[in-house]
N, C-alpha and C. Protein backbone atom coordinates (compact mmCIF):
# COMPACT_ATOMS: atom_id res chain seq x y z
N UNK A 1 3.58 -7.76 3.65
CA UNK A 1 3.88 -8.35 2.39
C UNK A 1 4.59 -9.27 0.67
N UNK A 2 6.17 -9.04 1.39
CA UNK A 2 7.32 -9.12 0.55
C UNK A 2 7.09 -10.94 1.83
N UNK A 3 6.29 -10.72 3.35
CA UNK A 3 6.66 -12.17 3.71
C UNK A 3 5.84 -13.09 2.45
N UNK A 4 4.53 -12.63 1.93
CA UNK A 4 3.92 -13.62 1.76
C UNK A 4 4.03 -13.64 1.25
N UNK A 5 4.53 -12.92 -0.70
CA UNK A 5 4.66 -13.23 -1.96
C UNK A 5 6.34 -13.88 -1.45
N UNK A 6 6.93 -14.74 -0.91
CA UNK A 6 7.89 -15.32 -1.00
C UNK A 6 6.66 -16.03 -1.06
N UNK A 7 6.40 -16.61 0.69
CA UNK A 7 5.73 -18.10 0.80
C UNK A 7 5.05 -18.37 -0.71
N UNK A 8 4.66 -17.83 -1.22
CA UNK A 8 3.23 -18.23 -2.61
C UNK A 8 5.11 -18.36 -3.60
N UNK A 9 5.63 -17.57 -3.30
CA UNK A 9 6.68 -17.75 -4.68
C UNK A 9 6.74 -19.44 -4.11
N UNK A 10 7.39 -19.83 -2.96
CA UNK A 10 7.86 -20.88 -2.21
C UNK A 10 6.93 -22.26 -2.96
N UNK A 11 6.34 -22.41 -2.87
CA UNK A 11 5.20 -23.01 -3.02
C UNK A 11 4.19 -23.31 -2.01
N UNK A 12 4.41 -22.41 -0.66
CA UNK A 12 3.59 -22.88 0.34
C UNK A 12 2.18 -22.69 0.13
N UNK A 13 1.53 -22.14 -0.99
CA UNK A 13 0.25 -21.62 -0.48
C UNK A 13 0.23 -20.94 -1.93
N UNK A 14 -0.91 -20.11 -2.22
CA UNK A 14 -0.86 -19.52 -2.81
C UNK A 14 -2.44 -18.21 -2.08
N UNK A 15 -1.94 -17.46 -2.41
CA UNK A 15 -2.78 -15.58 -2.27
C UNK A 15 -3.84 -14.61 -2.66
N UNK A 16 -4.40 -13.73 -2.32
CA UNK A 16 -4.99 -12.68 -3.16
C UNK A 16 -3.71 -12.21 -2.70
N UNK A 17 -3.40 -11.25 -3.75
CA UNK A 17 -2.43 -9.71 -3.46
C UNK A 17 -2.50 -9.06 -4.64
N UNK A 18 -1.50 -8.28 -4.24
CA UNK A 18 -2.25 -6.71 -4.61
C UNK A 18 -1.49 -6.81 -6.79
N UNK A 19 -1.73 -6.87 -7.59
CA UNK A 19 -1.26 -7.05 -8.98
C UNK A 19 -0.24 -5.49 -9.61
N UNK A 20 0.22 -4.52 -8.92
CA UNK A 20 1.73 -4.35 -8.83
C UNK A 20 2.48 -4.59 -7.97
N UNK A 21 1.80 -5.43 -7.26
CA UNK A 21 3.26 -6.07 -6.22
C UNK A 21 3.96 -6.85 -7.02
N UNK A 22 3.19 -7.61 -7.53
CA UNK A 22 4.12 -9.15 -8.01
C UNK A 22 3.64 -8.86 -10.46
N UNK A 23 2.85 -8.26 -10.49
CA UNK A 23 3.38 -8.14 -11.83
C UNK A 23 5.20 -8.48 -12.83
N UNK A 24 5.77 -8.14 -12.22
CA UNK A 24 6.60 -8.13 -12.32
C UNK A 24 7.19 -10.47 -12.08
N UNK A 25 6.71 -10.61 -11.08
CA UNK A 25 6.37 -11.77 -10.78
C UNK A 25 5.84 -12.76 -11.93
N UNK A 26 5.07 -11.70 -11.97
CA UNK A 26 3.87 -12.56 -13.72
C UNK A 26 4.18 -12.30 -14.20
N UNK A 27 5.17 -11.38 -14.90
CA UNK A 27 5.36 -11.59 -15.74
C UNK A 27 7.04 -12.82 -15.70
N UNK A 28 7.29 -12.54 -15.41
CA UNK A 28 8.13 -14.39 -15.31
C UNK A 28 8.24 -15.35 -15.26
N UNK A 29 7.15 -15.03 -14.79
CA UNK A 29 6.98 -16.89 -14.69
C UNK A 29 6.52 -16.88 -12.96
N UNK A 30 7.03 -16.50 -12.45
CA UNK A 30 7.43 -16.98 -11.37
C UNK A 30 6.03 -17.43 -10.47
N UNK A 31 5.27 -16.05 -10.78
CA UNK A 31 3.54 -17.07 -10.18
C UNK A 31 2.53 -17.26 -11.81
N UNK A 32 1.49 -17.52 -10.83
CA UNK A 32 0.70 -17.66 -12.25
C UNK A 32 -0.39 -17.10 -12.00
N UNK A 33 -1.60 -16.62 -12.31
CA UNK A 33 -2.45 -15.90 -11.80
C UNK A 33 -3.58 -17.38 -12.41
N UNK A 34 -4.27 -17.01 -10.77
CA UNK A 34 -5.16 -17.92 -10.82
C UNK A 34 -6.79 -17.73 -10.37
N UNK A 35 -7.85 -17.80 -10.88
CA UNK A 35 -9.21 -17.81 -11.38
C UNK A 35 -9.26 -16.48 -11.93
N UNK A 36 -8.96 -16.25 -13.52
CA UNK A 36 -8.35 -14.69 -14.11
C UNK A 36 -10.24 -14.93 -14.48
N UNK A 37 -11.45 -15.27 -14.61
CA UNK A 37 -12.35 -14.89 -14.24
C UNK A 37 -13.26 -14.06 -13.26
N UNK A 38 -12.62 -14.50 -11.41
CA UNK A 38 -12.85 -13.96 -10.53
C UNK A 38 -12.04 -12.74 -10.61
N UNK A 39 -12.45 -11.37 -9.33
CA UNK A 39 -11.48 -10.61 -9.06
C UNK A 39 -12.67 -10.35 -7.24
N UNK A 40 -11.83 -9.77 -7.10
CA UNK A 40 -12.32 -9.07 -5.20
C UNK A 40 -13.04 -8.26 -6.45
N UNK A 41 -14.45 -7.88 -5.36
CA UNK A 41 -15.29 -6.66 -5.44
C UNK A 41 -14.41 -5.10 -4.72
N UNK A 42 -14.93 -4.05 -6.05
CA UNK A 42 -14.68 -2.39 -5.10
C UNK A 42 -15.78 -2.34 -4.02
N UNK A 43 -14.32 -2.21 -3.47
CA UNK A 43 -14.71 -1.16 -1.85
C UNK A 43 -13.99 0.11 -1.82
N UNK A 44 -14.60 0.41 -0.59
CA UNK A 44 -13.89 1.64 0.02
C UNK A 44 -13.18 2.28 0.40
N UNK A 45 -12.30 3.26 1.43
CA UNK A 45 -11.26 3.42 2.24
C UNK A 45 -11.09 5.00 2.50
N UNK A 46 -11.87 4.67 3.63
CA UNK A 46 -12.70 6.42 4.90
C UNK A 46 -11.46 6.45 5.40
N UNK A 47 -11.08 8.11 5.66
CA UNK A 47 -9.82 8.19 6.84
C UNK A 47 -10.51 8.85 7.79
N UNK A 48 -10.66 8.34 8.81
CA UNK A 48 -11.77 8.78 10.64
C UNK A 48 -11.21 10.00 10.45
N UNK A 49 -11.58 11.62 11.16
CA UNK A 49 -10.90 11.91 11.84
C UNK A 49 -11.74 12.78 12.85
N UNK A 50 -10.94 13.44 13.75
CA UNK A 50 -12.19 14.03 14.32
C UNK A 50 -13.29 15.19 14.14
N UNK A 51 -11.88 16.23 13.83
CA UNK A 51 -12.68 17.01 12.77
C UNK A 51 -11.92 17.54 12.29
N UNK A 52 -13.10 17.55 10.93
CA UNK A 52 -11.70 18.26 9.96
C UNK A 52 -10.44 19.83 9.44
N UNK A 53 -11.90 20.50 9.71
CA UNK A 53 -10.74 21.76 10.31
C UNK A 53 -10.49 22.16 11.42
N UNK A 54 -9.76 21.00 11.86
CA UNK A 54 -8.69 21.80 12.53
C UNK A 54 -7.86 20.66 12.87
N UNK A 55 -7.39 19.81 11.19
CA UNK A 55 -6.49 18.44 11.23
C UNK A 55 -5.69 19.05 11.79
N UNK A 56 -4.40 18.28 11.97
CA UNK A 56 -2.36 19.03 11.69
C UNK A 56 -2.26 19.01 10.53
N UNK A 57 -0.87 19.85 10.45
CA UNK A 57 -0.36 19.55 9.17
C UNK A 57 -0.64 17.99 8.55
N UNK A 58 1.00 17.41 9.76
CA UNK A 58 0.89 15.84 8.96
C UNK A 58 -0.22 14.87 9.22
N UNK A 59 -1.68 15.85 9.25
CA UNK A 59 -2.30 14.17 9.12
C UNK A 59 -2.68 14.64 7.89
N UNK A 60 -3.37 15.98 7.62
CA UNK A 60 -3.97 16.04 6.38
C UNK A 60 -2.23 15.86 4.83
N UNK A 61 -1.67 15.81 4.62
CA UNK A 61 -0.30 15.69 4.43
C UNK A 61 -0.40 14.32 3.88
N UNK A 62 -0.80 13.14 5.19
CA UNK A 62 -0.26 11.98 4.90
C UNK A 62 -1.70 10.98 3.92
N UNK A 63 -3.34 12.02 4.16
CA UNK A 63 -4.15 11.62 4.48
C UNK A 63 -3.80 12.25 1.98
N UNK A 64 -3.18 12.72 2.00
CA UNK A 64 -3.51 13.09 0.49
C UNK A 64 -2.12 12.43 0.03
N UNK A 65 -1.72 11.49 0.81
CA UNK A 65 0.12 11.02 -0.18
C UNK A 65 -1.06 9.31 -0.03
N UNK A 66 -1.96 8.92 1.06
CA UNK A 66 -1.91 7.86 0.83
C UNK A 66 -3.20 7.58 0.31
N UNK A 67 -4.15 8.93 -0.69
CA UNK A 67 -5.02 9.03 -1.26
C UNK A 67 -4.69 9.03 -2.63
N UNK A 68 -3.43 9.63 -3.12
CA UNK A 68 -2.66 9.48 -4.51
C UNK A 68 -2.31 8.48 -4.15
N UNK A 69 -1.40 7.34 -2.86
CA UNK A 69 -0.61 5.92 -3.92
C UNK A 69 -3.27 4.95 -4.11
N UNK A 70 -3.14 5.07 -4.47
CA UNK A 70 -5.13 4.71 -3.72
C UNK A 70 -5.39 5.03 -5.26
N UNK A 71 -5.51 6.96 -5.62
CA UNK A 71 -5.37 6.62 -7.41
C UNK A 71 -4.51 5.79 -8.21
N UNK A 72 -3.46 6.14 -7.50
CA UNK A 72 -2.65 5.61 -8.36
C UNK A 72 -2.96 4.20 -8.83
N UNK A 73 -3.07 3.03 -7.48
CA UNK A 73 -2.93 1.68 -7.96
C UNK A 73 -4.17 1.57 -8.63
N UNK A 74 -6.02 1.86 -8.58
CA UNK A 74 -6.78 2.45 -8.99
C UNK A 74 -6.13 2.21 -10.41
N UNK A 75 -5.11 3.07 -11.02
CA UNK A 75 -5.27 3.58 -12.54
C UNK A 75 -4.73 2.74 -13.08
N UNK A 76 -3.43 1.46 -12.64
CA UNK A 76 -2.73 0.68 -12.69
C UNK A 76 -3.77 -0.90 -12.64
N UNK A 77 -4.66 -0.63 -11.62
CA UNK A 77 -5.32 -2.22 -11.94
C UNK A 77 -6.53 -1.70 -13.56
N UNK A 78 -6.80 -1.30 -14.20
CA UNK A 78 -7.15 -0.23 -14.69
C UNK A 78 -7.13 -0.32 -16.27
N UNK A 79 -6.15 -0.09 -16.17
CA UNK A 79 -5.45 -0.12 -17.57
C UNK A 79 -4.44 -1.70 -17.25
N UNK A 80 -4.70 -2.66 -16.63
CA UNK A 80 -4.39 -3.66 -16.99
C UNK A 80 -6.03 -4.93 -17.10
N UNK A 81 -6.49 -4.59 -17.05
CA UNK A 81 -7.57 -4.42 -16.42
C UNK A 81 -7.91 -4.84 -19.08
């Protein structure tokens, strides 16, 4: 992700980037938001596992961490809208 952000900052092109990742660059004027009236469609993320009742503890924790991270991103996007 950092490489793509750097390429965009260097003027190589443009990209669809997660706002939480580039918020400070937007505030500093390093990046400019394009097509502000357009946004990506919403989507769902699923964790596919062989069987839910026999998941290893590490797998359960990893899924929970990913869920929390996605929830945080979703909340920050709602606040910035």
